[in-house]
Amino acid sequence: MPRYCALRQLKSVNVILARVNAWLPFTDYLALCWYEVGANLYGLPAYNQAADVLYQQLSE
């Protein structure tokens, strides 16, 4: 993250890092939804396994 901010000439690395961290649970939830849809559409075990991992992360 510091390298990205340096390349973009952003000075408030801590603020940007806090914003990114605030969005991570939401992106995990979207990924969970994606894997659930994939599991229903394709019936592949990998989709169910990925969804289970994300569900465990979100329920902690």
C-alpha atoms as a PDB file:
ATOM      1  CA  MET A   1       0.000   0.000   0.000  1.00  0.00           C
ATOM      2  CA  PRO A   2       2.764   2.538   0.753  1.00  0.00           C
ATOM      3  CA  ARG A   3       4.303   1.887  -2.672  1.00  0.00           C
ATOM      4  CA  TYR A   4       0.945   2.377  -4.398  1.00  0.00           C
ATOM      5  CA  CYS A   5       0.398   5.634  -2.523  1.00  0.00           C
ATOM      6  CA  ALA A   6       3.881   6.820  -3.405  1.00  0.00           C
ATOM      7  CA  LEU A   7       3.338   6.096  -7.090  1.00  0.00           C
ATOM      8  CA  ARG A   8       0.010   7.916  -7.013  1.00  0.00           C
ATOM      9  CA  GLN A   9       1.580  10.740  -4.962  1.00  0.00           C
ATOM     10  CA  LEU A  10      -0.915  10.259  -2.141  1.00  0.00           C
ATOM     11  CA  LYS A  11       0.227  11.506   1.213  1.00  0.00           C
ATOM     12  CA  SER A  12      -2.435  10.105   3.548  1.00  0.00           C
ATOM     13  CA  VAL A  13      -1.465   6.428   3.498  1.00  0.00           C
ATOM     14  CA  ASN A  14      -3.149   5.681   6.839  1.00  0.00           C
ATOM     15  CA  VAL A  15      -6.459   7.189   5.732  1.00  0.00           C
ATOM     16  CA  ILE A  16      -6.440   5.234   2.484  1.00  0.00           C
ATOM     17  CA  LEU A  17      -5.498   2.026   4.295  1.00  0.00           C
ATOM     18  CA  ALA A  18      -8.377   2.546   6.741  1.00  0.00           C
ATOM     19  CA  ARG A  19     -10.793   3.042   3.860  1.00  0.00           C
ATOM     20  CA  VAL A  20      -9.591  -0.091   2.100  1.00  0.00           C
ATOM     21  CA  ASN A  21      -9.906  -2.108   5.319  1.00  0.00           C
ATOM     22  CA  ALA A  22     -13.436  -0.766   5.847  1.00  0.00           C
ATOM     23  CA  TRP A  23     -14.491  -2.145   2.441  1.00  0.00           C
ATOM     24  CA  LEU A  24     -12.967  -5.614   2.848  1.00  0.00           C
ATOM     25  CA  PRO A  25     -15.944  -7.216   4.663  1.00  0.00           C
ATOM     26  CA  PHE A  26     -18.285  -5.951   1.945  1.00  0.00           C
ATOM     27  CA  THR A  27     -16.089  -7.350  -0.822  1.00  0.00           C
ATOM     28  CA  ASP A  28     -15.909 -10.683   1.018  1.00  0.00           C
ATOM     29  CA  TYR A  29     -19.709 -10.695   1.174  1.00  0.00           C
ATOM     30  CA  LEU A  30     -19.936 -10.036  -2.572  1.00  0.00           C
ATOM     31  CA  ALA A  31     -17.491 -12.871  -3.217  1.00  0.00           C
ATOM     32  CA  LEU A  32     -19.595 -15.153  -1.018  1.00  0.00           C
ATOM     33  CA  CYS A  33     -22.679 -14.282  -3.087  1.00  0.00           C
ATOM     34  CA  TRP A  34     -20.731 -14.922  -6.284  1.00  0.00           C
ATOM     35  CA  TYR A  35     -19.639 -18.380  -5.128  1.00  0.00           C
ATOM     36  CA  GLU A  36     -23.149 -19.264  -3.974  1.00  0.00           C
ATOM     37  CA  VAL A  37     -24.550 -18.354  -7.389  1.00  0.00           C
ATOM     38  CA  GLY A  38     -21.766 -20.315  -9.085  1.00  0.00           C
ATOM     39  CA  ALA A  39     -22.471 -23.336  -6.899  1.00  0.00           C
ATOM     40  CA  ASN A  40     -26.146 -23.212  -7.840  1.00  0.00           C
ATOM     41  CA  LEU A  41     -25.461 -22.724 -11.540  1.00  0.00           C
ATOM     42  CA  TYR A  42     -22.604 -25.149 -12.087  1.00  0.00           C
ATOM     43  CA  GLY A  43     -22.788 -27.517  -9.127  1.00  0.00           C
ATOM     44  CA  LEU A  44     -19.009 -27.625  -8.757  1.00  0.00           C
ATOM     45  CA  PRO A  45     -17.635 -28.483  -5.299  1.00  0.00           C
ATOM     46  CA  ALA A  46     -14.977 -25.766  -5.577  1.00  0.00           C
ATOM     47  CA  TYR A  47     -17.679 -23.100  -5.462  1.00  0.00           C
ATOM     48  CA  ASN A  48     -19.172 -24.590  -2.307  1.00  0.00           C
ATOM     49  CA  GLN A  49     -15.756 -24.880  -0.681  1.00  0.00           C
ATOM     50  CA  ALA A  50     -14.882 -21.254  -1.435  1.00  0.00           C
ATOM     51  CA  ALA A  51     -18.282 -20.119  -0.175  1.00  0.00           C
ATOM     52  CA  ASP A  52     -17.796 -22.079   3.048  1.00  0.00           C
ATOM     53  CA  VAL A  53     -14.403 -20.453   3.658  1.00  0.00           C
ATOM     54  CA  LEU A  54     -15.823 -16.976   3.123  1.00  0.00           C
ATOM     55  CA  TYR A  55     -18.851 -17.737   5.298  1.00  0.00           C
ATOM     56  CA  GLN A  56     -16.546 -18.772   8.137  1.00  0.00           C
ATOM     57  CA  GLN A  57     -14.496 -15.581   7.726  1.00  0.00           C
ATOM     58  CA  LEU A  58     -17.587 -13.389   7.789  1.00  0.00           C
ATOM     59  CA  SER A  59     -19.111 -15.108  10.801  1.00  0.00           C
ATOM     60  CA  GLU A  60     -16.052 -14.540  12.997  1.00  0.00           C
END
